[in-house]
Amino acid sequence: ESFFTYVLFNLLKNALYSIQSARKGDISITLRTGPDWNLIYFRDSGSGVDNAITEKIFDGFFTTKSDGTGAGLAFCKRTIISFGGEITCHSVLGEYAEFVISLPAYAGNN
């Protein structure tokens, strides 16, 4: 449970950084439940992520921040995978970045 809290904290921290860098933006978190999967959409309308690096952002030690370590999103991905889910990023540079966390729905979680 605390690992998942870190995932949410890291996504929020990155979104706040993006908004601060772009000097604009909002953050929205949307939950969608289904019979097989639960989805969390974490979106900010800050600076976005260049499509050329969207796949790399989950790699360990990859960062675009001058003071970053590249550990945050790599940890998030490993954590979500350990829960049987996945995390992806969809973005338009200068407009938004949206991270989608998919987690399996388990019986009794209704």
PDB file of N, CA and C in Angstrom:
ATOM      1  N   GLU A   1       0.828  -1.191   0.000  1.00  0.00           N
ATOM      2  CA  GLU A   1       0.000   0.000   0.000  1.00  0.00           C
ATOM      3  C   GLU A   1       0.874   1.256   0.000  1.00  0.00           C
ATOM      4  N   SER A   2       1.928   1.277   0.784  1.00  0.00           N
ATOM      5  CA  SER A   2       2.787   2.458   0.823  1.00  0.00           C
ATOM      6  C   SER A   2       3.526   2.652  -0.497  1.00  0.00           C
ATOM      7  N   PHE A   3       3.835   1.552  -1.206  1.00  0.00           N
ATOM      8  CA  PHE A   3       4.460   1.686  -2.519  1.00  0.00           C
ATOM      9  C   PHE A   3       3.523   2.404  -3.482  1.00  0.00           C
ATOM     10  N   PHE A   4       2.236   2.079  -3.423  1.00  0.00           N
ATOM     11  CA  PHE A   4       1.274   2.732  -4.307  1.00  0.00           C
ATOM     12  C   PHE A   4       1.156   4.216  -3.959  1.00  0.00           C
ATOM     13  N   THR A   5       1.222   4.546  -2.687  1.00  0.00           N
ATOM     14  CA  THR A   5       1.205   5.950  -2.263  1.00  0.00           C
ATOM     15  C   THR A   5       2.384   6.692  -2.885  1.00  0.00           C
ATOM     16  N   TYR A   6       3.558   6.057  -2.908  1.00  0.00           N
ATOM     17  CA  TYR A   6       4.730   6.670  -3.524  1.00  0.00           C
ATOM     18  C   TYR A   6       4.502   6.896  -5.013  1.00  0.00           C
ATOM     19  N   VAL A   7       3.872   5.949  -5.685  1.00  0.00           N
ATOM     20  CA  VAL A   7       3.575   6.108  -7.114  1.00  0.00           C
ATOM     21  C   VAL A   7       2.729   7.360  -7.334  1.00  0.00           C
ATOM     22  N   LEU A   8       1.654   7.494  -6.564  1.00  0.00           N
ATOM     23  CA  LEU A   8       0.787   8.668  -6.701  1.00  0.00           C
ATOM     24  C   LEU A   8       1.533   9.953  -6.351  1.00  0.00           C
ATOM     25  N   PHE A   9       2.348   9.917  -5.278  1.00  0.00           N
ATOM     26  CA  PHE A   9       3.132  11.081  -4.902  1.00  0.00           C
ATOM     27  C   PHE A   9       4.085  11.476  -6.020  1.00  0.00           C
ATOM     28  N   ASN A  10       4.762  10.503  -6.625  1.00  0.00           N
ATOM     29  CA  ASN A  10       5.719  10.795  -7.685  1.00  0.00           C
ATOM     30  C   ASN A  10       5.024  11.411  -8.903  1.00  0.00           C
ATOM     31  N   LEU A  11       3.870  10.871  -9.286  1.00  0.00           N
ATOM     32  CA  LEU A  11       3.137  11.438 -10.418  1.00  0.00           C
ATOM     33  C   LEU A  11       2.678  12.865 -10.117  1.00  0.00           C
ATOM     34  N   LEU A  12       2.232  13.114  -8.895  1.00  0.00           N
ATOM     35  CA  LEU A  12       1.815  14.461  -8.507  1.00  0.00           C
ATOM     36  C   LEU A  12       3.007  15.417  -8.507  1.00  0.00           C
ATOM     37  N   LYS A  13       4.130  14.975  -7.963  1.00  0.00           N
ATOM     38  CA  LYS A  13       5.337  15.801  -7.937  1.00  0.00           C
ATOM     39  C   LYS A  13       5.776  16.165  -9.351  1.00  0.00           C
ATOM     40  N   ASN A  14       5.757  15.190 -10.258  1.00  0.00           N
ATOM     41  CA  ASN A  14       6.138  15.459 -11.647  1.00  0.00           C
ATOM     42  C   ASN A  14       5.161  16.419 -12.316  1.00  0.00           C
ATOM     43  N   ALA A  15       3.874  16.263 -12.042  1.00  0.00           N
ATOM     44  CA  ALA A  15       2.870  17.154 -12.621  1.00  0.00           C
ATOM     45  C   ALA A  15       3.064  18.586 -12.119  1.00  0.00           C
ATOM     46  N   LEU A  16       3.325  18.748 -10.835  1.00  0.00           N
ATOM     47  CA  LEU A  16       3.570  20.081 -10.282  1.00  0.00           C
ATOM     48  C   LEU A  16       4.821  20.708 -10.892  1.00  0.00           C
ATOM     49  N   TYR A  17       5.853  19.911 -11.094  1.00  0.00           N
ATOM     50  CA  TYR A  17       7.078  20.392 -11.741  1.00  0.00           C
ATOM     51  C   TYR A  17       6.784  20.851 -13.163  1.00  0.00           C
ATOM     52  N   SER A  18       5.991  20.075 -13.889  1.00  0.00           N
ATOM     53  CA  SER A  18       5.631  20.414 -15.271  1.00  0.00           C
ATOM     54  C   SER A  18       4.854  21.725 -15.345  1.00  0.00           C
ATOM     55  N   ILE A  19       3.907  21.876 -14.435  1.00  0.00           N
ATOM     56  CA  ILE A  19       3.095  23.097 -14.399  1.00  0.00           C
ATOM     57  C   ILE A  19       3.962  24.303 -14.030  1.00  0.00           C
ATOM     58  N   GLN A  20       4.852  24.119 -13.082  1.00  0.00           N
ATOM     59  CA  GLN A  20       5.738  25.208 -12.684  1.00  0.00           C
ATOM     60  C   GLN A  20       6.650  25.607 -13.849  1.00  0.00           C
ATOM     61  N   SER A  21       7.200  24.627 -14.563  1.00  0.00           N
ATOM     62  CA  SER A  21       8.083  24.908 -15.691  1.00  0.00           C
ATOM     63  C   SER A  21       7.343  25.626 -16.816  1.00  0.00           C
ATOM     64  N   ALA A  22       6.114  25.191 -17.087  1.00  0.00           N
ATOM     65  CA  ALA A  22       5.325  25.774 -18.178  1.00  0.00           C
ATOM     66  C   ALA A  22       4.636  27.077 -17.763  1.00  0.00           C
ATOM     67  N   ARG A  23       4.566  27.319 -16.454  1.00  0.00           N
ATOM     68  CA  ARG A  23       3.860  28.488 -15.907  1.00  0.00           C
ATOM     69  C   ARG A  23       2.387  28.512 -16.320  1.00  0.00           C
ATOM     70  N   LYS A  24       1.842  27.307 -16.433  1.00  0.00           N
ATOM     71  CA  LYS A  24       0.418  27.149 -16.740  1.00  0.00           C
ATOM     72  C   LYS A  24       0.019  25.721 -16.408  1.00  0.00           C
ATOM     73  N   GLY A  25      -1.289  25.492 -16.300  1.00  0.00           N
ATOM     74  CA  GLY A  25      -1.739  24.120 -16.224  1.00  0.00           C
ATOM     75  C   GLY A  25      -2.617  23.775 -15.046  1.00  0.00           C
ATOM     76  N   ASP A  26      -3.252  22.637 -15.194  1.00  0.00           N
ATOM     77  CA  ASP A  26      -4.119  22.036 -14.190  1.00  0.00           C
ATOM     78  C   ASP A  26      -3.724  20.573 -14.041  1.00  0.00           C
ATOM     79  N   ILE A  27      -4.186  19.979 -12.953  1.00  0.00           N
ATOM     80  CA  ILE A  27      -3.991  18.545 -12.731  1.00  0.00           C
ATOM     81  C   ILE A  27      -5.363  17.922 -12.531  1.00  0.00           C
ATOM     82  N   SER A  28      -5.597  16.804 -13.202  1.00  0.00           N
ATOM     83  CA  SER A  28      -6.836  16.066 -12.961  1.00  0.00           C
ATOM     84  C   SER A  28      -6.501  14.599 -12.744  1.00  0.00           C
ATOM     85  N   ILE A  29      -7.229  13.994 -11.826  1.00  0.00           N
ATOM     86  CA  ILE A  29      -7.086  12.569 -11.545  1.00  0.00           C
ATOM     87  C   ILE A  29      -8.471  11.965 -11.694  1.00  0.00           C
ATOM     88  N   THR A  30      -8.591  11.008 -12.595  1.00  0.00           N
ATOM     89  CA  THR A  30      -9.875  10.385 -12.884  1.00  0.00           C
ATOM     90  C   THR A  30      -9.768   8.887 -12.661  1.00  0.00           C
ATOM     91  N   LEU A  31     -10.760   8.312 -12.011  1.00  0.00           N
ATOM     92  CA  LEU A  31     -10.804   6.867 -11.770  1.00  0.00           C
ATOM     93  C   LEU A  31     -11.920   6.260 -12.602  1.00  0.00           C
ATOM     94  N   ARG A  32     -11.652   5.126 -13.207  1.00  0.00           N
ATOM     95  CA  ARG A  32     -12.682   4.372 -13.926  1.00  0.00           C
ATOM     96  C   ARG A  32     -12.572   2.924 -13.500  1.00  0.00           C
ATOM     97  N   THR A  33     -13.694   2.347 -13.122  1.00  0.00           N
ATOM     98  CA  THR A  33     -13.681   0.949 -12.702  1.00  0.00           C
ATOM     99  C   THR A  33     -14.393   0.104 -13.740  1.00  0.00           C
ATOM    100  N   GLY A  34     -13.980  -1.126 -13.831  1.00  0.00           N
ATOM    101  CA  GLY A  34     -14.594  -2.066 -14.756  1.00  0.00           C
ATOM    102  C   GLY A  34     -14.550  -3.460 -14.168  1.00  0.00           C
ATOM    103  N   PRO A  35     -15.153  -4.409 -14.850  1.00  0.00           N
ATOM    104  CA  PRO A  35     -15.196  -5.770 -14.321  1.00  0.00           C
ATOM    105  C   PRO A  35     -13.820  -6.442 -14.282  1.00  0.00           C
ATOM    106  N   ASP A  36     -12.924  -6.062 -15.190  1.00  0.00           N
ATOM    107  CA  ASP A  36     -11.612  -6.701 -15.264  1.00  0.00           C
ATOM    108  C   ASP A  36     -10.464  -5.783 -14.864  1.00  0.00           C
ATOM    109  N   TRP A  37     -10.609  -4.488 -15.146  1.00  0.00           N
ATOM    110  CA  TRP A  37      -9.532  -3.527 -14.904  1.00  0.00           C
ATOM    111  C   TRP A  37     -10.064  -2.263 -14.251  1.00  0.00           C
ATOM    112  N   ASN A  38      -9.252  -1.671 -13.399  1.00  0.00           N
ATOM    113  CA  ASN A  38      -9.501  -0.343 -12.849  1.00  0.00           C
ATOM    114  C   ASN A  38      -8.431   0.580 -13.426  1.00  0.00           C
ATOM    115  N   LEU A  39      -8.851   1.750 -13.852  1.00  0.00           N
ATOM    116  CA  LEU A  39      -7.936   2.683 -14.499  1.00  0.00           C
ATOM    117  C   LEU A  39      -7.865   3.976 -13.703  1.00  0.00           C
ATOM    118  N   ILE A  40      -6.654   4.500 -13.578  1.00  0.00           N
ATOM    119  CA  ILE A  40      -6.428   5.800 -12.976  1.00  0.00           C
ATOM    120  C   ILE A  40      -5.761   6.664 -14.043  1.00  0.00           C
ATOM    121  N   TYR A  41      -6.408   7.770 -14.402  1.00  0.00           N
ATOM    122  CA  TYR A  41      -5.864   8.721 -15.365  1.00  0.00           C
ATOM    123  C   TYR A  41      -5.308   9.904 -14.584  1.00  0.00           C
ATOM    124  N   PHE A  42      -4.035  10.147 -14.741  1.00  0.00           N
ATOM    125  CA  PHE A  42      -3.347  11.215 -14.028  1.00  0.00           C
ATOM    126  C   PHE A  42      -2.837  12.174 -15.087  1.00  0.00           C
ATOM    127  N   ARG A  43      -3.480  13.348 -15.223  1.00  0.00           N
ATOM    128  CA  ARG A  43      -3.203  14.252 -16.343  1.00  0.00           C
ATOM    129  C   ARG A  43      -2.862  15.655 -15.856  1.00  0.00           C
ATOM    130  N   ASP A  44      -1.844  16.236 -16.481  1.00  0.00           N
ATOM    131  CA  ASP A  44      -1.563  17.647 -16.229  1.00  0.00           C
ATOM    132  C   ASP A  44      -1.458  18.369 -17.569  1.00  0.00           C
ATOM    133  N   SER A  45      -1.850  19.630 -17.555  1.00  0.00           N
ATOM    134  CA  SER A  45      -1.799  20.438 -18.779  1.00  0.00           C
ATOM    135  C   SER A  45      -0.650  21.432 -18.703  1.00  0.00           C
ATOM    136  N   GLY A  46       0.498  20.930 -18.264  1.00  0.00           N
ATOM    137  CA  GLY A  46       1.707  21.742 -18.178  1.00  0.00           C
ATOM    138  C   GLY A  46       2.503  21.678 -19.467  1.00  0.00           C
ATOM    139  N   SER A  47       3.761  21.262 -19.369  1.00  0.00           N
ATOM    140  CA  SER A  47       4.656  21.300 -20.534  1.00  0.00           C
ATOM    141  C   SER A  47       4.602  20.062 -21.413  1.00  0.00           C
ATOM    142  N   GLY A  48       4.026  18.978 -20.937  1.00  0.00           N
ATOM    143  CA  GLY A  48       3.949  17.758 -21.745  1.00  0.00           C
ATOM    144  C   GLY A  48       5.291  17.059 -21.854  1.00  0.00           C
ATOM    145  N   VAL A  49       5.292  15.934 -22.570  1.00  0.00           N
ATOM    146  CA  VAL A  49       6.493  15.128 -22.775  1.00  0.00           C
ATOM    147  C   VAL A  49       6.679  14.945 -24.273  1.00  0.00           C
ATOM    148  N   ASP A  50       7.889  15.147 -24.743  1.00  0.00           N
ATOM    149  CA  ASP A  50       8.206  14.955 -26.159  1.00  0.00           C
ATOM    150  C   ASP A  50       8.003  13.484 -26.524  1.00  0.00           C
ATOM    151  N   ASN A  51       7.265  13.229 -27.598  1.00  0.00           N
ATOM    152  CA  ASN A  51       6.989  11.849 -28.023  1.00  0.00           C
ATOM    153  C   ASN A  51       8.261  11.045 -28.281  1.00  0.00           C
ATOM    154  N   ALA A  52       9.348  11.722 -28.619  1.00  0.00           N
ATOM    155  CA  ALA A  52      10.609  11.024 -28.881  1.00  0.00           C
ATOM    156  C   ALA A  52      11.156  10.344 -27.627  1.00  0.00           C
ATOM    157  N   ILE A  53      10.740  10.801 -26.444  1.00  0.00           N
ATOM    158  CA  ILE A  53      11.262  10.205 -25.208  1.00  0.00           C
ATOM    159  C   ILE A  53      10.183   9.528 -24.364  1.00  0.00           C
ATOM    160  N   THR A  54       8.944   9.491 -24.848  1.00  0.00           N
ATOM    161  CA  THR A  54       7.848   8.926 -24.045  1.00  0.00           C
ATOM    162  C   THR A  54       8.161   7.512 -23.567  1.00  0.00           C
ATOM    163  N   GLU A  55       8.737   6.680 -24.409  1.00  0.00           N
ATOM    164  CA  GLU A  55       9.050   5.312 -24.000  1.00  0.00           C
ATOM    165  C   GLU A  55      10.232   5.251 -23.047  1.00  0.00           C
ATOM    166  N   LYS A  56      11.137   6.214 -23.116  1.00  0.00           N
ATOM    167  CA  LYS A  56      12.342   6.200 -22.293  1.00  0.00           C
ATOM    168  C   LYS A  56      12.097   6.670 -20.860  1.00  0.00           C
ATOM    169  N   ILE A  57      11.015   7.407 -20.631  1.00  0.00           N
ATOM    170  CA  ILE A  57      10.833   8.020 -19.312  1.00  0.00           C
ATOM    171  C   ILE A  57      10.682   7.000 -18.185  1.00  0.00           C
ATOM    172  N   PHE A  58      10.349   5.765 -18.526  1.00  0.00           N
ATOM    173  CA  PHE A  58      10.215   4.719 -17.507  1.00  0.00           C
ATOM    174  C   PHE A  58      11.510   3.942 -17.298  1.00  0.00           C
ATOM    175  N   ASP A  59      12.561   4.264 -18.070  1.00  0.00           N
ATOM    176  CA  ASP A  59      13.852   3.599 -17.921  1.00  0.00           C
ATOM    177  C   ASP A  59      14.584   4.144 -16.699  1.00  0.00           C
ATOM    178  N   GLY A  60      15.258   3.269 -15.989  1.00  0.00           N
ATOM    179  CA  GLY A  60      16.044   3.706 -14.847  1.00  0.00           C
ATOM    180  C   GLY A  60      17.138   4.675 -15.259  1.00  0.00           C
ATOM    181  N   PHE A  61      17.332   5.707 -14.495  1.00  0.00           N
ATOM    182  CA  PHE A  61      18.363   6.723 -14.669  1.00  0.00           C
ATOM    183  C   PHE A  61      18.139   7.660 -15.850  1.00  0.00           C
ATOM    184  N   PHE A  62      16.977   7.580 -16.525  1.00  0.00           N
ATOM    185  CA  PHE A  62      16.662   8.536 -17.587  1.00  0.00           C
ATOM    186  C   PHE A  62      15.911   9.704 -16.959  1.00  0.00           C
ATOM    187  N   THR A  63      16.386  10.905 -17.193  1.00  0.00           N
ATOM    188  CA  THR A  63      15.722  12.086 -16.651  1.00  0.00           C
ATOM    189  C   THR A  63      15.872  13.263 -17.602  1.00  0.00           C
ATOM    190  N   THR A  64      14.928  14.171 -17.538  1.00  0.00           N
ATOM    191  CA  THR A  64      15.025  15.417 -18.289  1.00  0.00           C
ATOM    192  C   THR A  64      15.249  16.593 -17.335  1.00  0.00           C
ATOM    193  N   LYS A  65      15.280  16.332 -16.030  1.00  0.00           N
ATOM    194  CA  LYS A  65      15.466  17.378 -15.022  1.00  0.00           C
ATOM    195  C   LYS A  65      16.946  17.520 -14.697  1.00  0.00           C
ATOM    196  N   SER A  66      17.398  18.750 -14.531  1.00  0.00           N
ATOM    197  CA  SER A  66      18.811  18.981 -14.234  1.00  0.00           C
ATOM    198  C   SER A  66      19.215  18.380 -12.885  1.00  0.00           C
ATOM    199  N   ASP A  67      18.259  18.287 -11.949  1.00  0.00           N
ATOM    200  CA  ASP A  67      18.566  17.722 -10.637  1.00  0.00           C
ATOM    201  C   ASP A  67      17.892  16.368 -10.418  1.00  0.00           C
ATOM    202  N   GLY A  68      17.427  15.742 -11.503  1.00  0.00           N
ATOM    203  CA  GLY A  68      16.719  14.471 -11.391  1.00  0.00           C
ATOM    204  C   GLY A  68      17.654  13.279 -11.377  1.00  0.00           C
ATOM    205  N   THR A  69      17.137  12.165 -10.857  1.00  0.00           N
ATOM    206  CA  THR A  69      17.937  10.930 -10.812  1.00  0.00           C
ATOM    207  C   THR A  69      17.451   9.894 -11.817  1.00  0.00           C
ATOM    208  N   GLY A  70      16.228  10.061 -12.314  1.00  0.00           N
ATOM    209  CA  GLY A  70      15.663   9.076 -13.226  1.00  0.00           C
ATOM    210  C   GLY A  70      15.132   7.850 -12.526  1.00  0.00           C
ATOM    211  N   ALA A  71      15.005   7.918 -11.206  1.00  0.00           N
ATOM    212  CA  ALA A  71      14.538   6.756 -10.448  1.00  0.00           C
ATOM    213  C   ALA A  71      13.023   6.739 -10.275  1.00  0.00           C
ATOM    214  N   GLY A  72      12.370   7.886 -10.274  1.00  0.00           N
ATOM    215  CA  GLY A  72      10.960   7.991  -9.929  1.00  0.00           C
ATOM    216  C   GLY A  72      10.016   7.194 -10.806  1.00  0.00           C
ATOM    217  N   LEU A  73      10.006   7.463 -12.103  1.00  0.00           N
ATOM    218  CA  LEU A  73       9.071   6.765 -12.990  1.00  0.00           C
ATOM    219  C   LEU A  73       9.464   5.307 -13.197  1.00  0.00           C
ATOM    220  N   ALA A  74      10.746   5.011 -13.126  1.00  0.00           N
ATOM    221  CA  ALA A  74      11.180   3.605 -13.223  1.00  0.00           C
ATOM    222  C   ALA A  74      10.630   2.821 -12.032  1.00  0.00           C
ATOM    223  N   PHE A  75      10.709   3.403 -10.827  1.00  0.00           N
ATOM    224  CA  PHE A  75      10.147   2.767  -9.642  1.00  0.00           C
ATOM    225  C   PHE A  75       8.639   2.609  -9.783  1.00  0.00           C
ATOM    226  N   CYS A  76       7.978   3.664 -10.291  1.00  0.00           N
ATOM    227  CA  CYS A  76       6.519   3.594 -10.489  1.00  0.00           C
ATOM    228  C   CYS A  76       6.156   2.421 -11.390  1.00  0.00           C
ATOM    229  N   LYS A  77       6.884   2.279 -12.491  1.00  0.00           N
ATOM    230  CA  LYS A  77       6.570   1.197 -13.429  1.00  0.00           C
ATOM    231  C   LYS A  77       6.784  -0.160 -12.780  1.00  0.00           C
ATOM    232  N   ARG A  78       7.901  -0.352 -12.107  1.00  0.00           N
ATOM    233  CA  ARG A  78       8.169  -1.635 -11.432  1.00  0.00           C
ATOM    234  C   ARG A  78       7.092  -1.941 -10.398  1.00  0.00           C
ATOM    235  N   THR A  79       6.671  -0.927  -9.663  1.00  0.00           N
ATOM    236  CA  THR A  79       5.654  -1.119  -8.629  1.00  0.00           C
ATOM    237  C   THR A  79       4.323  -1.521  -9.241  1.00  0.00           C
ATOM    238  N   ILE A  80       3.887  -0.814 -10.267  1.00  0.00           N
ATOM    239  CA  ILE A  80       2.601  -1.121 -10.904  1.00  0.00           C
ATOM    240  C   ILE A  80       2.643  -2.513 -11.534  1.00  0.00           C
ATOM    241  N   ILE A  81       3.748  -2.879 -12.155  1.00  0.00           N
ATOM    242  CA  ILE A  81       3.884  -4.228 -12.727  1.00  0.00           C
ATOM    243  C   ILE A  81       3.806  -5.276 -11.620  1.00  0.00           C
ATOM    244  N   SER A  82       4.392  -4.983 -10.453  1.00  0.00           N
ATOM    245  CA  SER A  82       4.355  -5.952  -9.345  1.00  0.00           C
ATOM    246  C   SER A  82       2.926  -6.177  -8.844  1.00  0.00           C
ATOM    247  N   PHE A  83       2.038  -5.212  -9.086  1.00  0.00           N
ATOM    248  CA  PHE A  83       0.622  -5.352  -8.738  1.00  0.00           C
ATOM    249  C   PHE A  83      -0.180  -6.001  -9.858  1.00  0.00           C
ATOM    250  N   GLY A  84       0.504  -6.425 -10.934  1.00  0.00           N
ATOM    251  CA  GLY A  84      -0.179  -7.052 -12.062  1.00  0.00           C
ATOM    252  C   GLY A  84      -0.754  -6.060 -13.052  1.00  0.00           C
ATOM    253  N   GLY A  85      -0.312  -4.811 -12.984  1.00  0.00           N
ATOM    254  CA  GLY A  85      -0.852  -3.773 -13.861  1.00  0.00           C
ATOM    255  C   GLY A  85       0.180  -3.229 -14.815  1.00  0.00           C
ATOM    256  N   GLU A  86      -0.146  -2.073 -15.364  1.00  0.00           N
ATOM    257  CA  GLU A  86       0.783  -1.391 -16.265  1.00  0.00           C
ATOM    258  C   GLU A  86       0.555   0.111 -16.154  1.00  0.00           C
ATOM    259  N   ILE A  87       1.573   0.867 -16.551  1.00  0.00           N
ATOM    260  CA  ILE A  87       1.488   2.321 -16.585  1.00  0.00           C
ATOM    261  C   ILE A  87       2.001   2.794 -17.939  1.00  0.00           C
ATOM    262  N   THR A  88       1.279   3.704 -18.554  1.00  0.00           N
ATOM    263  CA  THR A  88       1.664   4.241 -19.850  1.00  0.00           C
ATOM    264  C   THR A  88       1.583   5.764 -19.806  1.00  0.00           C
ATOM    265  N   CYS A  89       2.206   6.399 -20.771  1.00  0.00           N
ATOM    266  CA  CYS A  89       2.167   7.848 -20.880  1.00  0.00           C
ATOM    267  C   CYS A  89       1.721   8.235 -22.276  1.00  0.00           C
ATOM    268  N   HIS A  90       0.777   9.151 -22.341  1.00  0.00           N
ATOM    269  CA  HIS A  90       0.327   9.755 -23.589  1.00  0.00           C
ATOM    270  C   HIS A  90       0.530  11.251 -23.426  1.00  0.00           C
ATOM    271  N   SER A  91       1.082  11.908 -24.445  1.00  0.00           N
ATOM    272  CA  SER A  91       1.397  13.312 -24.271  1.00  0.00           C
ATOM    273  C   SER A  91       1.435  14.049 -25.597  1.00  0.00           C
ATOM    274  N   VAL A  92       1.197  15.349 -25.513  1.00  0.00           N
ATOM    275  CA  VAL A  92       1.442  16.273 -26.607  1.00  0.00           C
ATOM    276  C   VAL A  92       2.317  17.369 -26.015  1.00  0.00           C
ATOM    277  N   LEU A  93       3.519  17.524 -26.561  1.00  0.00           N
ATOM    278  CA  LEU A  93       4.475  18.491 -26.052  1.00  0.00           C
ATOM    279  C   LEU A  93       3.870  19.890 -26.038  1.00  0.00           C
ATOM    280  N   GLY A  94       3.958  20.544 -24.909  1.00  0.00           N
ATOM    281  CA  GLY A  94       3.427  21.893 -24.748  1.00  0.00           C
ATOM    282  C   GLY A  94       1.960  21.947 -24.379  1.00  0.00           C
ATOM    283  N   GLU A  95       1.281  20.777 -24.365  1.00  0.00           N
ATOM    284  CA  GLU A  95      -0.150  20.763 -24.071  1.00  0.00           C
ATOM    285  C   GLU A  95      -0.524  19.946 -22.838  1.00  0.00           C
ATOM    286  N   TYR A  96      -0.090  18.699 -22.785  1.00  0.00           N
ATOM    287  CA  TYR A  96      -0.466  17.855 -21.648  1.00  0.00           C
ATOM    288  C   TYR A  96       0.399  16.608 -21.587  1.00  0.00           C
ATOM    289  N   ALA A  97       0.373  15.980 -20.432  1.00  0.00           N
ATOM    290  CA  ALA A  97       0.920  14.639 -20.239  1.00  0.00           C
ATOM    291  C   ALA A  97      -0.117  13.870 -19.438  1.00  0.00           C
ATOM    292  N   GLU A  98      -0.413  12.654 -19.879  1.00  0.00           N
ATOM    293  CA  GLU A  98      -1.384  11.821 -19.172  1.00  0.00           C
ATOM    294  C   GLU A  98      -0.771  10.459 -18.915  1.00  0.00           C
ATOM    295  N   PHE A  99      -0.733  10.090 -17.647  1.00  0.00           N
ATOM    296  CA  PHE A  99      -0.277   8.771 -17.246  1.00  0.00           C
ATOM    297  C   PHE A  99      -1.502   7.944 -16.912  1.00  0.00           C
ATOM    298  N   VAL A 100      -1.542   6.736 -17.465  1.00  0.00           N
ATOM    299  CA  VAL A 100      -2.677   5.848 -17.226  1.00  0.00           C
ATOM    300  C   VAL A 100      -2.159   4.614 -16.502  1.00  0.00           C
ATOM    301  N   ILE A 101      -2.708   4.394 -15.323  1.00  0.00           N
ATOM    302  CA  ILE A 101      -2.385   3.204 -14.533  1.00  0.00           C
ATOM    303  C   ILE A 101      -3.542   2.235 -14.676  1.00  0.00           C
ATOM    304  N   SER A 102      -3.247   1.026 -15.138  1.00  0.00           N
ATOM    305  CA  SER A 102      -4.246  -0.042 -15.260  1.00  0.00           C
ATOM    306  C   SER A 102      -3.924  -1.092 -14.206  1.00  0.00           C
ATOM    307  N   LEU A 103      -4.917  -1.393 -13.374  1.00  0.00           N
ATOM    308  CA  LEU A 103      -4.745  -2.406 -12.340  1.00  0.00           C
ATOM    309  C   LEU A 103      -5.872  -3.426 -12.444  1.00  0.00           C
ATOM    310  N   PRO A 104      -5.558  -4.697 -12.266  1.00  0.00           N
ATOM    311  CA  PRO A 104      -6.605  -5.705 -12.342  1.00  0.00           C
ATOM    312  C   PRO A 104      -7.650  -5.513 -11.248  1.00  0.00           C
ATOM    313  N   ALA A 105      -8.908  -5.711 -11.605  1.00  0.00           N
ATOM    314  CA  ALA A 105      -9.993  -5.644 -10.630  1.00  0.00           C
ATOM    315  C   ALA A 105     -10.105  -7.014  -9.974  1.00  0.00           C
ATOM    316  N   TYR A 106     -10.158  -7.013  -8.676  1.00  0.00           N
ATOM    317  CA  TYR A 106     -10.268  -8.265  -7.943  1.00  0.00           C
ATOM    318  C   TYR A 106     -11.668  -8.403  -7.363  1.00  0.00           C
ATOM    319  N   ALA A 107     -12.147  -9.630  -7.275  1.00  0.00           N
ATOM    320  CA  ALA A 107     -13.472  -9.899  -6.679  1.00  0.00           C
ATOM    321  C   ALA A 107     -13.494  -9.339  -5.261  1.00  0.00           C
ATOM    322  N   GLY A 108     -14.578  -8.725  -4.934  1.00  0.00           N
ATOM    323  CA  GLY A 108     -14.734  -8.161  -3.601  1.00  0.00           C
ATOM    324  C   GLY A 108     -14.332  -6.706  -3.503  1.00  0.00           C
ATOM    325  N   ASN A 109     -13.807  -6.123  -4.578  1.00  0.00           N
ATOM    326  CA  ASN A 109     -13.409  -4.710  -4.573  1.00  0.00           C
ATOM    327  C   ASN A 109     -14.483  -3.825  -5.150  1.00  0.00           C
ATOM    328  N   ASN A 110     -15.735  -4.210  -5.106  1.00  0.00           N
ATOM    329  CA  ASN A 110     -16.791  -3.414  -5.732  1.00  0.00           C
ATOM    330  C   ASN A 110     -17.240  -2.326  -4.807  1.00  0.00           C
TER     331      ASN A 110
END
